Amino acid sequence: MMIKVLIADDHHLFRDGITRLLRDAPGIELAGSAANGEQAVELARLKRPDVILMDVNMPGMGGLEATRRIRAAQPDTQILMLTISEQSEDLFQAIRLGARGYLLKNASTQELLEAIRQVFAGEAPITPRMAGKLVDAFATMAMERPAGQSDEKIEVLTGRELEVLRLVARGLSNKEIGLSLSISPLTVKSHLRSILDKLGLRGRVEAAAWAIRHGLLRGDRDRDREGGG
């Protein structure tokens, strides 16, 4: 199945470069390109793309507002922010408004194509570094939480769910987690759904940030330091 991709970026040369890249990529079909948020919203309505590569800062309507409008009107369209912005607030707002992933423009060609395929498959491209920025945002911006929800819910997770959650926080895809734990990607997806339900979270990105904030990767960092001598 071909993945229909729309590009939204105000830099003409960048749009041209991504256009050429996607035209040569197997399994990907270019749905169009937009120079600002208004065009992105309109083209999304007309073209019904599967994935939109969305810049954050554009003249007129920016990528964050365009993301909000598109996700409200077309919840099946997945949005991958592709930007130079490493600002925690931009990252936080993009995820809160419905973006599925957040990739910097210095990513490699392979990283971009893989991120598009992950978003289309319902996964959320995230690296530990970007998840760490989300944690910073959570510390400074109040997050809406259901009444009575507790931050201390690690004990409700099974051992296998904790293993899955740690690997999600390390940025692994469902396929990679399955290979690491010798289980199928469908089983990983089932575990992740259970984790989200138990912790009251709304997606993979929030799950990764929750894991980092609660120190579930601390042992990994300690082992890395010991290995580094």
Protein backbone atom coordinates (compact mmCIF):
# COMPACT_ATOMS: atom_id res chain seq x y z
CA MET A 1 0.00 0.00 0.00
CA MET A 2 1.31 3.42 -0.98
CA ILE A 3 1.70 6.05 1.74
CA LYS A 4 0.38 9.44 0.58
CA VAL A 5 2.58 12.19 1.99
CA LEU A 6 1.99 15.95 2.01
CA ILE A 7 4.83 18.42 2.67
CA ALA A 8 4.22 21.72 4.51
CA ASP A 9 7.24 24.02 4.69
CA ASP A 10 7.82 27.66 3.76
CA HIS A 11 11.34 27.11 2.39
CA HIS A 12 11.11 26.44 -1.35
CA LEU A 13 14.49 24.70 -1.66
CA PHE A 14 13.74 22.43 1.28
CA ARG A 15 10.34 21.47 -0.19
CA ASP A 16 11.98 20.70 -3.52
CA GLY A 17 14.60 18.51 -1.87
CA ILE A 18 12.04 16.52 0.12
CA THR A 19 9.84 16.24 -2.98
CA ARG A 20 12.67 14.66 -4.98
CA LEU A 21 13.49 12.35 -2.09
CA LEU A 22 9.92 11.12 -1.69
CA ARG A 23 9.39 10.64 -5.42
CA ASP A 24 12.25 8.14 -5.43
CA ALA A 25 11.20 6.37 -2.21
CA PRO A 26 9.51 2.97 -2.60
CA GLY A 27 6.00 2.73 -1.18
CA ILE A 28 5.55 6.50 -0.89
CA GLU A 29 3.38 8.75 -3.06
CA LEU A 30 3.68 12.54 -2.99
CA ALA A 31 0.26 14.11 -2.35
CA GLY A 32 1.40 17.72 -2.73
CA SER A 33 3.27 20.53 -0.99
CA ALA A 34 2.22 23.63 0.93
CA ALA A 35 4.12 26.82 1.76
CA ASN A 36 2.16 27.70 4.92
CA GLY A 37 -0.40 26.42 7.37
CA GLU A 38 -3.43 27.68 5.45
CA GLN A 39 -2.36 25.81 2.32
CA ALA A 40 -1.61 22.72 4.40
CA VAL A 41 -5.12 22.69 5.89
CA GLU A 42 -6.73 23.13 2.47
CA LEU A 43 -4.54 20.54 0.72
CA ALA A 44 -5.10 18.08 3.55
CA ARG A 45 -8.85 18.45 2.99
CA LEU A 46 -8.55 18.01 -0.77
CA LYS A 47 -5.84 15.35 -1.00
CA ARG A 48 -6.57 13.34 2.19
CA PRO A 49 -2.91 12.38 2.76
CA ASP A 50 -1.91 9.58 5.12
CA VAL A 51 1.04 11.53 6.57
CA ILE A 52 1.91 15.23 6.62
CA LEU A 53 5.47 16.48 7.11
CA MET A 54 4.80 19.73 8.97
CA ASP A 55 7.20 22.57 9.73
CA VAL A 56 6.61 24.45 13.01
CA ASN A 57 7.40 28.02 11.99
CA MET A 58 5.74 29.29 8.79
CA PRO A 59 4.37 32.72 7.82
CA GLY A 60 0.70 33.30 8.52
CA MET A 61 -0.72 30.17 10.07
CA GLY A 62 2.11 28.14 11.60
CA GLY A 63 2.48 24.40 11.77
CA LEU A 64 1.08 24.04 15.29
CA GLU A 65 -2.26 25.68 14.48
CA ALA A 66 -2.42 23.79 11.17
CA THR A 67 -1.82 20.55 13.07
CA ARG A 68 -4.68 21.34 15.46
CA ARG A 69 -7.11 22.06 12.62
CA ILE A 70 -6.15 19.09 10.49
CA ARG A 71 -6.28 16.62 13.37
CA ALA A 72 -9.70 17.95 14.41
CA ALA A 73 -11.11 17.57 10.90
CA GLN A 74 -9.18 14.47 9.79
CA PRO A 75 -8.16 12.33 12.77
CA ASP A 76 -6.88 9.57 10.48
CA THR A 77 -4.26 11.86 8.96
CA GLN A 78 -0.99 11.48 10.87
CA ILE A 79 1.33 14.46 11.29
CA LEU A 80 5.10 14.29 11.65
CA MET A 81 6.70 17.58 12.64
CA LEU A 82 9.86 18.15 10.58
CA THR A 83 11.59 21.24 11.89
CA ILE A 84 14.78 22.94 13.04
CA SER A 85 13.14 23.85 16.36
CA GLU A 86 14.45 22.05 19.42
CA GLN A 87 12.38 24.22 21.76
CA SER A 88 10.71 22.12 24.46
CA GLU A 89 7.56 24.23 24.22
CA ASP A 90 7.21 23.60 20.47
CA LEU A 91 7.70 19.87 21.01
CA PHE A 92 5.21 19.78 23.88
CA GLN A 93 2.55 21.74 22.00
CA ALA A 94 2.97 19.71 18.82
CA ILE A 95 2.36 16.44 20.65
CA ARG A 96 -0.53 17.90 22.65
CA LEU A 97 -2.16 19.15 19.44
CA GLY A 98 -2.03 15.73 17.81
CA ALA A 99 1.33 15.33 16.06
CA ARG A 100 2.49 11.70 16.07
CA GLY A 101 6.22 12.41 15.95
CA TYR A 102 8.83 15.15 15.99
CA LEU A 103 11.90 14.98 13.76
CA LEU A 104 14.65 17.54 13.30
CA LYS A 105 15.68 18.64 9.82
CA ASN A 106 19.22 17.38 10.36
CA ALA A 107 17.88 13.81 10.35
CA SER A 108 19.29 11.47 7.71
CA THR A 109 17.32 10.38 4.66
CA GLN A 110 16.90 6.92 6.15
CA GLU A 111 15.66 8.35 9.46
CA LEU A 112 13.06 10.46 7.65
CA LEU A 113 11.74 7.61 5.52
CA GLU A 114 11.62 5.28 8.52
CA ALA A 115 9.78 7.92 10.56
CA ILE A 116 7.17 8.32 7.80
CA ARG A 117 6.59 4.57 7.75
CA GLN A 118 6.41 4.39 11.56
CA VAL A 119 3.85 7.19 11.74
CA PHE A 120 1.77 5.52 9.02
CA ALA A 121 1.89 2.26 11.00
CA GLY A 122 0.54 4.02 14.08
CA GLU A 123 3.84 4.33 15.91
CA ALA A 124 5.42 7.53 17.18
CA PRO A 125 9.04 8.25 16.17
CA ILE A 126 10.76 9.43 19.32
CA THR A 127 14.32 9.38 20.59
CA PRO A 128 15.39 9.44 24.24
CA ARG A 129 16.75 12.97 23.72
CA MET A 130 13.41 14.30 22.49
CA ALA A 131 11.54 12.36 25.16
CA GLY A 132 13.82 14.02 27.69
CA LYS A 133 12.72 17.41 26.37
CA LEU A 134 9.12 16.34 26.88
CA VAL A 135 9.94 15.56 30.49
CA ASP A 136 11.32 19.09 30.86
CA ALA A 137 8.09 20.44 29.39
CA PHE A 138 6.01 18.35 31.78
CA ALA A 139 7.96 19.86 34.67
CA THR A 140 7.16 23.43 33.63
CA MET A 141 3.74 23.16 31.99
CA ALA A 142 0.76 21.78 33.86
CA MET A 143 -0.65 18.71 32.17
CA GLU A 144 -4.35 17.97 32.36
CA ARG A 145 -4.89 14.70 34.20
CA PRO A 146 -8.06 12.80 35.06
CA ALA A 147 -9.28 13.39 38.60
CA GLY A 148 -7.69 11.08 41.14
CA GLN A 149 -4.91 9.95 38.82
CA SER A 150 -1.65 9.24 40.61
CA ASP A 151 1.87 9.63 39.30
CA GLU A 152 2.97 6.58 41.27
CA LYS A 153 1.53 3.68 39.30
CA ILE A 154 4.59 1.62 38.46
CA GLU A 155 3.34 -1.18 40.69
CA VAL A 156 0.25 -1.72 38.50
CA LEU A 157 2.42 -2.76 35.54
CA THR A 158 3.47 -6.36 34.98
CA GLY A 159 7.12 -7.24 34.53
CA ARG A 160 6.65 -7.64 30.78
CA GLU A 161 4.86 -4.29 30.54
CA LEU A 162 7.77 -2.61 32.32
CA GLU A 163 10.18 -4.19 29.82
CA VAL A 164 8.08 -2.91 26.92
CA LEU A 165 7.79 0.56 28.45
CA ARG A 166 11.56 0.85 28.95
CA LEU A 167 12.16 -0.05 25.30
CA VAL A 168 9.51 2.42 24.14
CA ALA A 169 11.33 5.12 26.12
CA ARG A 170 14.59 4.15 24.41
CA GLY A 171 12.94 4.92 21.05
CA LEU A 172 12.47 1.38 19.71
CA SER A 173 9.64 0.56 17.31
CA ASN A 174 7.15 -2.24 17.99
CA LYS A 175 9.07 -4.49 15.61
CA GLU A 176 12.39 -3.78 17.35
CA ILE A 177 10.83 -4.32 20.78
CA GLY A 178 9.38 -7.62 19.60
CA LEU A 179 12.77 -8.79 18.37
CA SER A 180 14.41 -7.74 21.64
CA LEU A 181 11.86 -9.57 23.79
CA SER A 182 11.17 -12.48 21.40
CA ILE A 183 7.50 -11.61 21.04
CA SER A 184 5.42 -10.49 18.05
CA PRO A 185 4.79 -6.81 17.18
CA LEU A 186 1.07 -7.46 17.77
CA THR A 187 1.85 -8.63 21.30
CA VAL A 188 3.95 -5.52 21.84
CA LYS A 189 1.02 -3.40 20.65
CA SER A 190 -1.28 -5.19 23.09
CA HIS A 191 1.11 -4.59 25.99
CA LEU A 192 1.43 -0.92 25.04
CA ARG A 193 -2.34 -0.50 24.94
CA SER A 194 -2.55 -2.01 28.44
CA ILE A 195 0.23 0.31 29.68
CA LEU A 196 -1.57 3.38 28.36
CA ASP A 197 -4.85 2.29 29.96
CA LYS A 198 -3.26 1.58 33.34
CA LEU A 199 -1.27 4.81 33.47
CA GLY A 200 -3.97 7.04 32.01
CA LEU A 201 -1.73 8.17 29.15
CA ARG A 202 -2.75 9.14 25.64
CA GLY A 203 0.00 7.84 23.43
CA ARG A 204 3.46 6.43 22.91
CA VAL A 205 5.21 9.77 23.38
CA GLU A 206 3.57 10.39 26.75
CA ALA A 207 4.44 6.81 27.76
CA ALA A 208 8.11 7.38 26.92
CA ALA A 209 8.17 10.67 28.83
CA TRP A 210 6.44 9.04 31.82
CA ALA A 211 9.03 6.25 31.87
CA ILE A 212 11.95 8.68 31.82
CA ARG A 213 10.40 10.92 34.47
CA HIS A 214 9.91 7.92 36.76
CA GLY A 215 13.51 6.78 36.37
CA LEU A 216 12.88 3.60 34.38
CA LEU A 217 15.97 4.26 32.23
CA ARG A 218 18.24 5.08 35.15
CA GLY A 219 19.70 1.58 35.17
CA ASP A 220 20.48 1.86 31.45
CA ARG A 221 22.41 5.09 32.01
CA ASP A 222 24.31 3.58 34.94
CA ARG A 223 25.34 0.59 32.82
CA ASP A 224 26.41 2.92 30.01
CA ARG A 225 28.67 4.84 32.40
CA GLU A 226 30.19 1.61 33.75
CA GLY A 227 30.77 0.36 30.22
CA GLY A 228 32.42 3.63 29.28
CA GLY A 229 35.04 3.03 31.95
